């Protein structure tokens, strides 16, 4: 499995920010998924595939990219163990697990 982060400069918004996509290669299958992060091309280091220090809170954003890589790897291992084929929908679910509802306190 190979993971890459790509800045989609062809999808700039009105402010000039571009979305960062995760591209995952599984045994000849390529899956793409948006990370939810956007930045200007000047704030992206393409060779290191991470945010530059000029990006607001770069350490947090780079930690998110590392977490996404780890989640994709764990999902891929689970798929291989079960003998299932990877899908984009499955990748999205693995990267954005359902949030746990907050506990209701009864007074």
Protein backbone atom coordinates (compact mmCIF):
# COMPACT_ATOMS: atom_id res chain seq x y z
CA UNK A 1 0.00 0.00 0.00
CA UNK A 2 1.23 3.47 -0.91
CA UNK A 3 -0.28 6.72 0.35
CA UNK A 4 0.25 10.19 -1.10
CA UNK A 5 -1.17 13.61 -0.37
CA UNK A 6 -1.89 15.80 -3.38
CA UNK A 7 -2.80 19.48 -3.50
CA UNK A 8 -5.57 19.85 -6.09
CA UNK A 9 -4.62 23.20 -7.66
CA UNK A 10 -7.29 22.69 -10.33
CA UNK A 11 -10.01 23.12 -7.67
CA UNK A 12 -9.16 26.53 -6.16
CA UNK A 13 -11.86 28.34 -4.22
CA UNK A 14 -12.51 32.08 -4.42
CA UNK A 15 -9.80 32.81 -1.81
CA UNK A 16 -7.17 30.78 -3.69
CA UNK A 17 -7.10 27.78 -1.35
CA UNK A 18 -6.86 24.29 -2.83
CA UNK A 19 -8.13 21.05 -1.25
CA UNK A 20 -5.67 18.41 -0.08
CA UNK A 21 -6.57 14.90 -1.22
CA UNK A 22 -5.35 11.54 0.02
CA UNK A 23 -4.49 9.09 -2.77
CA UNK A 24 -4.10 5.45 -1.72
CA UNK A 25 -2.81 2.66 -3.97
CA UNK A 26 -3.89 -0.91 -3.07
CA UNK A 27 -2.51 -3.67 -5.30
CA UNK A 28 -3.21 -1.74 -8.51
CA UNK A 29 -6.35 0.01 -7.24
CA UNK A 30 -6.17 3.80 -6.78
CA UNK A 31 -8.59 5.50 -4.39
CA UNK A 32 -8.88 9.26 -3.81
CA UNK A 33 -10.50 10.97 -0.86
CA UNK A 34 -10.60 14.58 0.34
CA UNK A 35 -8.94 15.26 3.69
CA UNK A 36 -11.06 18.29 4.55
CA UNK A 37 -8.02 20.58 4.65
CA UNK A 38 -7.44 23.46 2.25
CA UNK A 39 -4.42 25.68 1.81
CA UNK A 40 -2.81 28.05 -0.64
CA UNK A 41 -0.17 26.52 -2.92
CA UNK A 42 2.53 28.57 -1.13
CA UNK A 43 1.64 26.82 2.16
CA UNK A 44 2.08 23.29 0.73
CA UNK A 45 5.38 21.41 0.44
CA UNK A 46 4.77 19.04 -2.49
CA UNK A 47 8.03 17.11 -2.14
CA UNK A 48 7.44 16.33 1.56
CA UNK A 49 3.64 16.16 1.15
CA UNK A 50 2.97 18.29 4.19
CA UNK A 51 2.00 21.81 5.22
CA UNK A 52 4.70 24.46 5.49
CA UNK A 53 5.29 26.47 8.66
CA UNK A 54 3.51 29.43 7.02
CA UNK A 55 0.20 27.52 7.25
CA UNK A 56 -1.85 28.28 10.41
CA UNK A 57 -1.24 25.52 12.98
CA UNK A 58 0.96 23.42 10.68
CA UNK A 59 1.82 20.84 13.35
CA UNK A 60 -1.86 20.05 13.96
CA UNK A 61 -2.60 19.83 10.24
CA UNK A 62 0.41 17.55 9.61
CA UNK A 63 -0.66 15.39 12.57
CA UNK A 64 -4.06 15.03 10.89
CA UNK A 65 -2.35 13.83 7.69
CA UNK A 66 -0.33 11.30 9.70
CA UNK A 67 -3.51 10.06 11.41
CA UNK A 68 -5.24 9.66 8.05
CA UNK A 69 -2.30 7.60 6.80
CA UNK A 70 -2.43 5.36 9.87
CA UNK A 71 -6.22 4.93 9.58
CA UNK A 72 -5.91 4.01 5.89
CA UNK A 73 -3.21 1.45 6.70
CA UNK A 74 -5.32 -0.12 9.47
CA UNK A 75 -8.32 -0.27 7.12
CA UNK A 76 -6.22 -1.89 4.39
CA UNK A 77 -4.92 -4.54 6.81
CA UNK A 78 -8.48 -5.31 7.90
CA UNK A 79 -9.60 -5.65 4.26
CA UNK A 80 -6.74 -8.00 3.41
CA UNK A 81 -7.51 -10.16 6.44
CA UNK A 82 -11.18 -10.39 5.44
CA UNK A 83 -10.44 -10.83 1.72
CA UNK A 84 -12.60 -7.89 0.67
CA UNK A 85 -12.01 -5.41 -2.15
CA UNK A 86 -11.22 -1.77 -1.29
CA UNK A 87 -13.80 0.89 -2.20
CA UNK A 88 -13.89 4.67 -1.97
CA UNK A 89 -16.94 4.50 0.31
CA UNK A 90 -15.11 2.14 2.66
CA UNK A 91 -12.08 4.42 2.71
CA UNK A 92 -14.24 7.43 3.59
CA UNK A 93 -15.86 5.53 6.46
CA UNK A 94 -12.45 4.42 7.73
CA UNK A 95 -11.07 7.97 7.63
CA UNK A 96 -14.12 9.62 9.20
CA UNK A 97 -15.55 7.25 11.80
CA UNK A 98 -19.00 8.02 13.18
CA UNK A 99 -18.86 10.40 16.08
CA UNK A 100 -19.85 9.12 19.49
CA UNK A 101 -22.95 10.91 20.80
CA UNK A 102 -22.44 12.90 23.95
CA UNK A 103 -23.76 11.46 27.19
CA UNK A 104 -26.99 13.01 28.40
CA UNK A 105 -26.90 14.05 32.04
CA UNK A 106 -30.24 13.77 33.81
CA UNK A 107 -30.62 15.99 36.83
